[in-house]
Amino acid sequence: MCRALAPATRAELEQSSEATCTDSVLGEDLPYGGRGRTVDVHGRQARVVLQHDTLFLSQFPDGWKIVAAGCRPQRSQPYQCRVKGS
């Protein structure tokens, strides 16, 4: 999963947990996403809604990368995500 993270997201994850990306991801206890439900693409940004998770992605020169994961919608507020870049 670490290779799928956007650079700023990976850096934020490692810095906030003071551990390697692999250890940090395991420590976040992210849900198993399950099957894909919908994908919304807006230019270079995308939202992927899975059965048990929502991911936000951005397009980089080397492909799409995850900028936020473990996201849950909040009533009349933005999503709250366990893993995100600054």
C-alpha atoms as a PDB file:
ATOM      1  CA  MET A   1       0.000   0.000   0.000  1.00  0.00           C
ATOM      2  CA  CYS A   2       2.849   2.390   0.690  1.00  0.00           C
ATOM      3  CA  ARG A   3       3.748   2.586  -3.013  1.00  0.00           C
ATOM      4  CA  ALA A   4       0.132   3.566  -3.737  1.00  0.00           C
ATOM      5  CA  LEU A   5       0.253   6.561  -1.361  1.00  0.00           C
ATOM      6  CA  ALA A   6       0.912  10.089  -2.583  1.00  0.00           C
ATOM      7  CA  PRO A   7       4.310  11.398  -1.429  1.00  0.00           C
ATOM      8  CA  ALA A   8       2.858  13.950   1.038  1.00  0.00           C
ATOM      9  CA  THR A   9       0.456  11.371   2.454  1.00  0.00           C
ATOM     10  CA  ARG A  10       3.233   8.867   2.997  1.00  0.00           C
ATOM     11  CA  ALA A  11       5.457  11.513   4.620  1.00  0.00           C
ATOM     12  CA  GLU A  12       2.653  12.675   6.941  1.00  0.00           C
ATOM     13  CA  LEU A  13       1.869   9.087   7.945  1.00  0.00           C
ATOM     14  CA  GLU A  14       5.498   8.285   8.758  1.00  0.00           C
ATOM     15  CA  GLN A  15       6.074  11.566  10.585  1.00  0.00           C
ATOM     16  CA  SER A  16       2.938  11.407  12.723  1.00  0.00           C
ATOM     17  CA  SER A  17       3.575   7.823  13.822  1.00  0.00           C
ATOM     18  CA  GLU A  18       7.375   8.103  13.909  1.00  0.00           C
ATOM     19  CA  ALA A  19       7.623   4.743  12.127  1.00  0.00           C
ATOM     20  CA  THR A  20       8.140   3.335   8.660  1.00  0.00           C
ATOM     21  CA  CYS A  21       5.258   3.510   6.221  1.00  0.00           C
ATOM     22  CA  THR A  22       4.577  -0.229   6.467  1.00  0.00           C
ATOM     23  CA  ASP A  23       4.435  -0.165  10.277  1.00  0.00           C
ATOM     24  CA  SER A  24       2.384   3.027  10.214  1.00  0.00           C
ATOM     25  CA  VAL A  25      -0.236   1.618   7.837  1.00  0.00           C
ATOM     26  CA  LEU A  26      -0.615  -1.511   9.938  1.00  0.00           C
ATOM     27  CA  GLY A  27      -0.988   0.647  13.046  1.00  0.00           C
ATOM     28  CA  GLU A  28      -3.865   2.603  11.500  1.00  0.00           C
ATOM     29  CA  ASP A  29      -6.100  -0.493  11.458  1.00  0.00           C
ATOM     30  CA  LEU A  30      -7.673   0.541   8.166  1.00  0.00           C
ATOM     31  CA  PRO A  31     -10.841  -1.287   7.171  1.00  0.00           C
ATOM     32  CA  TYR A  32     -10.883  -3.846   4.385  1.00  0.00           C
ATOM     33  CA  GLY A  33     -12.372  -1.772   1.581  1.00  0.00           C
ATOM     34  CA  GLY A  34     -14.365  -4.465  -0.140  1.00  0.00           C
ATOM     35  CA  ARG A  35     -15.864  -4.167  -3.589  1.00  0.00           C
ATOM     36  CA  GLY A  36     -15.959  -0.873  -5.428  1.00  0.00           C
ATOM     37  CA  ARG A  37     -19.268   0.958  -5.491  1.00  0.00           C
ATOM     38  CA  THR A  38     -18.650   4.260  -7.292  1.00  0.00           C
ATOM     39  CA  VAL A  39     -15.836   6.344  -8.703  1.00  0.00           C
ATOM     40  CA  ASP A  40     -16.162  10.105  -9.183  1.00  0.00           C
ATOM     41  CA  VAL A  41     -13.411  11.784 -11.213  1.00  0.00           C
ATOM     42  CA  HIS A  42     -13.017  15.547 -11.336  1.00  0.00           C
ATOM     43  CA  GLY A  43      -9.980  16.449 -13.409  1.00  0.00           C
ATOM     44  CA  ARG A  44      -6.919  15.174 -11.543  1.00  0.00           C
ATOM     45  CA  GLN A  45      -8.871  14.283  -8.371  1.00  0.00           C
ATOM     46  CA  ALA A  46     -11.034  11.218  -7.678  1.00  0.00           C
ATOM     47  CA  ARG A  47     -13.168   9.709  -4.953  1.00  0.00           C
ATOM     48  CA  VAL A  48     -13.486   5.921  -4.805  1.00  0.00           C
ATOM     49  CA  VAL A  49     -16.339   4.634  -2.657  1.00  0.00           C
ATOM     50  CA  LEU A  50     -15.893   1.023  -1.572  1.00  0.00           C
ATOM     51  CA  GLN A  51     -18.192  -1.164   0.516  1.00  0.00           C
ATOM     52  CA  HIS A  52     -16.377  -0.340   3.772  1.00  0.00           C
ATOM     53  CA  ASP A  53     -14.106   2.615   2.978  1.00  0.00           C
ATOM     54  CA  THR A  54     -13.735   5.734   0.857  1.00  0.00           C
ATOM     55  CA  LEU A  55     -10.455   6.712  -0.783  1.00  0.00           C
ATOM     56  CA  PHE A  56      -9.422  10.028  -2.307  1.00  0.00           C
ATOM     57  CA  LEU A  57      -6.858   9.990  -5.120  1.00  0.00           C
ATOM     58  CA  SER A  58      -4.854  12.491  -7.154  1.00  0.00           C
ATOM     59  CA  GLN A  59      -3.192  11.986 -10.500  1.00  0.00           C
ATOM     60  CA  PHE A  60       0.609  12.235 -10.525  1.00  0.00           C
ATOM     61  CA  PRO A  61       3.077  11.860 -13.421  1.00  0.00           C
ATOM     62  CA  ASP A  62       3.534   8.172 -12.503  1.00  0.00           C
ATOM     63  CA  GLY A  63      -0.199   7.460 -12.086  1.00  0.00           C
ATOM     64  CA  TRP A  64      -3.009   7.766  -9.555  1.00  0.00           C
ATOM     65  CA  LYS A  65      -1.984   7.885  -5.878  1.00  0.00           C
ATOM     66  CA  ILE A  66      -4.007   7.732  -2.668  1.00  0.00           C
ATOM     67  CA  VAL A  67      -4.073  11.055  -0.814  1.00  0.00           C
ATOM     68  CA  ALA A  68      -6.544   9.926   1.869  1.00  0.00           C
ATOM     69  CA  ALA A  69      -7.839   6.556   3.102  1.00  0.00           C
ATOM     70  CA  GLY A  70     -10.004   5.235   5.895  1.00  0.00           C
ATOM     71  CA  CYS A  71     -12.455   8.054   5.192  1.00  0.00           C
ATOM     72  CA  ARG A  72     -15.949   8.274   6.642  1.00  0.00           C
ATOM     73  CA  PRO A  73     -18.539  10.906   5.727  1.00  0.00           C
ATOM     74  CA  GLN A  74     -19.591  13.325   8.458  1.00  0.00           C
ATOM     75  CA  ARG A  75     -22.992  15.001   8.512  1.00  0.00           C
ATOM     76  CA  SER A  76     -22.766  18.362   6.726  1.00  0.00           C
ATOM     77  CA  GLN A  77     -18.961  18.342   7.112  1.00  0.00           C
ATOM     78  CA  PRO A  78     -16.037  17.007   5.075  1.00  0.00           C
ATOM     79  CA  TYR A  79     -14.989  13.378   5.324  1.00  0.00           C
ATOM     80  CA  GLN A  80     -12.896  12.375   8.315  1.00  0.00           C
ATOM     81  CA  CYS A  81      -9.922  10.278   7.182  1.00  0.00           C
ATOM     82  CA  ARG A  82      -7.525   8.153   9.220  1.00  0.00           C
ATOM     83  CA  VAL A  83      -4.701   8.506   6.700  1.00  0.00           C
ATOM     84  CA  LYS A  84      -4.183  11.804   4.859  1.00  0.00           C
ATOM     85  CA  GLY A  85      -1.503  14.166   3.685  1.00  0.00           C
ATOM     86  CA  SER A  86      -1.114  17.740   4.768  1.00  0.00           C
END
